[in-house]
Amino acid sequence: MDTNMRIAISIATFNRPRGLKAVLDGIEVQKLPDDINLRVVIIDNSLDGNAREYIDNRAKFYRFPLVYHNETRPGITYPRNRGIEDALDKND
């Protein structure tokens, strides 16, 4: 049985690659205990999925896994709910 704490951070983004980089870099510098399993879920709310290229190119530079979803339905509730669904599916 896995006794490590699992944490999923869900980030909704819409056409903000610089802001996305800043928040991921901020998470990267956090000091976490060894028994924490962290992953970051990015929910891109743009129609064209423009954050995907950044995630694909930069994921290897972070010590935590990045999960990408494109939620094309407009409005903040859809990406927030998608992030919650992902966290519950993987971390229950």
C-alpha atoms as a PDB file:
ATOM      1  CA  MET A   1       0.000   0.000   0.000  1.00  0.00           C
ATOM      2  CA  ASP A   2       1.299   3.436  -0.967  1.00  0.00           C
ATOM      3  CA  THR A   3       1.510   5.637   2.128  1.00  0.00           C
ATOM      4  CA  ASN A   4       2.901   8.709   0.370  1.00  0.00           C
ATOM      5  CA  MET A   5       0.727  11.788   0.186  1.00  0.00           C
ATOM      6  CA  ARG A   6      -0.424  12.538  -3.346  1.00  0.00           C
ATOM      7  CA  ILE A   7      -1.065  16.131  -4.378  1.00  0.00           C
ATOM      8  CA  ALA A   8      -2.441  17.361  -7.689  1.00  0.00           C
ATOM      9  CA  ILE A   9      -2.236  21.054  -8.503  1.00  0.00           C
ATOM     10  CA  SER A  10      -4.729  22.079 -11.160  1.00  0.00           C
ATOM     11  CA  ILE A  11      -3.945  25.153 -13.267  1.00  0.00           C
ATOM     12  CA  ALA A  12      -6.475  26.607 -15.687  1.00  0.00           C
ATOM     13  CA  THR A  13      -4.947  28.787 -18.393  1.00  0.00           C
ATOM     14  CA  PHE A  14      -6.201  30.800 -21.344  1.00  0.00           C
ATOM     15  CA  ASN A  15      -3.677  32.279 -23.790  1.00  0.00           C
ATOM     16  CA  ARG A  16      -1.076  33.071 -21.094  1.00  0.00           C
ATOM     17  CA  PRO A  17       2.171  31.227 -21.850  1.00  0.00           C
ATOM     18  CA  ARG A  18       4.333  33.609 -19.790  1.00  0.00           C
ATOM     19  CA  GLY A  19       2.002  33.327 -16.824  1.00  0.00           C
ATOM     20  CA  LEU A  20       2.005  29.549 -17.140  1.00  0.00           C
ATOM     21  CA  LYS A  21       5.809  29.488 -17.137  1.00  0.00           C
ATOM     22  CA  ALA A  22       5.909  31.709 -14.044  1.00  0.00           C
ATOM     23  CA  VAL A  23       3.528  29.544 -12.043  1.00  0.00           C
ATOM     24  CA  LEU A  24       5.291  26.298 -13.035  1.00  0.00           C
ATOM     25  CA  ASP A  25       8.675  27.787 -12.172  1.00  0.00           C
ATOM     26  CA  GLY A  26       7.242  28.863  -8.815  1.00  0.00           C
ATOM     27  CA  ILE A  27       6.040  25.341  -8.089  1.00  0.00           C
ATOM     28  CA  GLU A  28       9.419  23.931  -9.130  1.00  0.00           C
ATOM     29  CA  VAL A  29      11.312  25.869  -6.448  1.00  0.00           C
ATOM     30  CA  GLN A  30       9.050  24.733  -3.604  1.00  0.00           C
ATOM     31  CA  LYS A  31      10.648  22.460  -1.042  1.00  0.00           C
ATOM     32  CA  LEU A  32       8.563  19.332  -0.506  1.00  0.00           C
ATOM     33  CA  PRO A  33       9.056  16.389   1.830  1.00  0.00           C
ATOM     34  CA  ASP A  34      10.248  13.186   0.178  1.00  0.00           C
ATOM     35  CA  ASP A  35       6.937  11.434   0.859  1.00  0.00           C
ATOM     36  CA  ILE A  36       4.938  13.853  -1.334  1.00  0.00           C
ATOM     37  CA  ASN A  37       3.970  12.719  -4.827  1.00  0.00           C
ATOM     38  CA  LEU A  38       3.177  15.907  -6.735  1.00  0.00           C
ATOM     39  CA  ARG A  39       1.784  16.273 -10.210  1.00  0.00           C
ATOM     40  CA  VAL A  40       0.505  19.337 -11.994  1.00  0.00           C
ATOM     41  CA  VAL A  41      -2.549  19.303 -14.230  1.00  0.00           C
ATOM     42  CA  ILE A  42      -2.740  22.021 -16.886  1.00  0.00           C
ATOM     43  CA  ILE A  43      -6.182  22.707 -18.338  1.00  0.00           C
ATOM     44  CA  ASP A  44      -5.875  24.863 -21.429  1.00  0.00           C
ATOM     45  CA  ASN A  45      -9.138  26.721 -22.097  1.00  0.00           C
ATOM     46  CA  SER A  46      -8.098  28.038 -25.517  1.00  0.00           C
ATOM     47  CA  LEU A  47      -9.786  26.803 -28.676  1.00  0.00           C
ATOM     48  CA  ASP A  48      -6.499  25.966 -30.376  1.00  0.00           C
ATOM     49  CA  GLY A  49      -4.753  24.346 -27.398  1.00  0.00           C
ATOM     50  CA  ASN A  50      -1.863  26.795 -27.586  1.00  0.00           C
ATOM     51  CA  ALA A  51      -0.361  25.772 -24.217  1.00  0.00           C
ATOM     52  CA  ARG A  52       0.316  22.227 -25.428  1.00  0.00           C
ATOM     53  CA  GLU A  53       3.508  23.092 -27.301  1.00  0.00           C
ATOM     54  CA  TYR A  54       4.940  24.823 -24.244  1.00  0.00           C
ATOM     55  CA  ILE A  55       4.059  21.867 -22.007  1.00  0.00           C
ATOM     56  CA  ASP A  56       5.483  19.334 -24.468  1.00  0.00           C
ATOM     57  CA  ASN A  57       8.742  21.282 -24.811  1.00  0.00           C
ATOM     58  CA  ARG A  58       9.238  22.157 -21.137  1.00  0.00           C
ATOM     59  CA  ALA A  59       7.894  19.157 -19.203  1.00  0.00           C
ATOM     60  CA  LYS A  60      11.309  17.496 -19.021  1.00  0.00           C
ATOM     61  CA  PHE A  61      12.725  20.465 -17.090  1.00  0.00           C
ATOM     62  CA  TYR A  62      10.371  20.046 -14.129  1.00  0.00           C
ATOM     63  CA  ARG A  63      10.786  17.441 -11.407  1.00  0.00           C
ATOM     64  CA  PHE A  64       7.049  16.764 -11.284  1.00  0.00           C
ATOM     65  CA  PRO A  65       4.864  15.248 -13.995  1.00  0.00           C
ATOM     66  CA  LEU A  66       2.744  17.600 -16.087  1.00  0.00           C
ATOM     67  CA  VAL A  67      -0.632  16.434 -17.336  1.00  0.00           C
ATOM     68  CA  TYR A  68      -2.233  18.420 -20.166  1.00  0.00           C
ATOM     69  CA  HIS A  69      -5.917  18.724 -21.065  1.00  0.00           C
ATOM     70  CA  ASN A  70      -7.540  21.029 -23.600  1.00  0.00           C
ATOM     71  CA  GLU A  71     -11.001  22.160 -22.499  1.00  0.00           C
ATOM     72  CA  THR A  72     -12.529  24.120 -25.382  1.00  0.00           C
ATOM     73  CA  ARG A  73     -15.835  25.004 -23.743  1.00  0.00           C
ATOM     74  CA  PRO A  74     -15.507  28.683 -22.764  1.00  0.00           C
ATOM     75  CA  GLY A  75     -15.712  29.802 -19.161  1.00  0.00           C
ATOM     76  CA  ILE A  76     -13.714  29.127 -16.017  1.00  0.00           C
ATOM     77  CA  THR A  77     -16.064  26.478 -14.610  1.00  0.00           C
ATOM     78  CA  TYR A  78     -15.262  23.909 -17.308  1.00  0.00           C
ATOM     79  CA  PRO A  79     -11.485  23.875 -16.817  1.00  0.00           C
ATOM     80  CA  ARG A  80     -11.877  23.956 -13.034  1.00  0.00           C
ATOM     81  CA  ASN A  81     -14.207  20.980 -13.113  1.00  0.00           C
ATOM     82  CA  ARG A  82     -11.870  19.134 -15.495  1.00  0.00           C
ATOM     83  CA  GLY A  83      -9.003  19.656 -13.072  1.00  0.00           C
ATOM     84  CA  ILE A  84     -11.065  18.300 -10.182  1.00  0.00           C
ATOM     85  CA  GLU A  85     -12.121  15.269 -12.230  1.00  0.00           C
ATOM     86  CA  ASP A  86      -8.518  14.527 -13.128  1.00  0.00           C
ATOM     87  CA  ALA A  87      -7.326  14.856  -9.527  1.00  0.00           C
ATOM     88  CA  LEU A  88     -10.060  12.558  -8.227  1.00  0.00           C
ATOM     89  CA  ASP A  89      -9.453   9.962 -10.948  1.00  0.00           C
ATOM     90  CA  LYS A  90      -5.741   9.753 -10.185  1.00  0.00           C
ATOM     91  CA  ASN A  91      -5.534  10.546  -6.477  1.00  0.00           C
ATOM     92  CA  ASP A  92      -8.476   8.916  -4.718  1.00  0.00           C
END
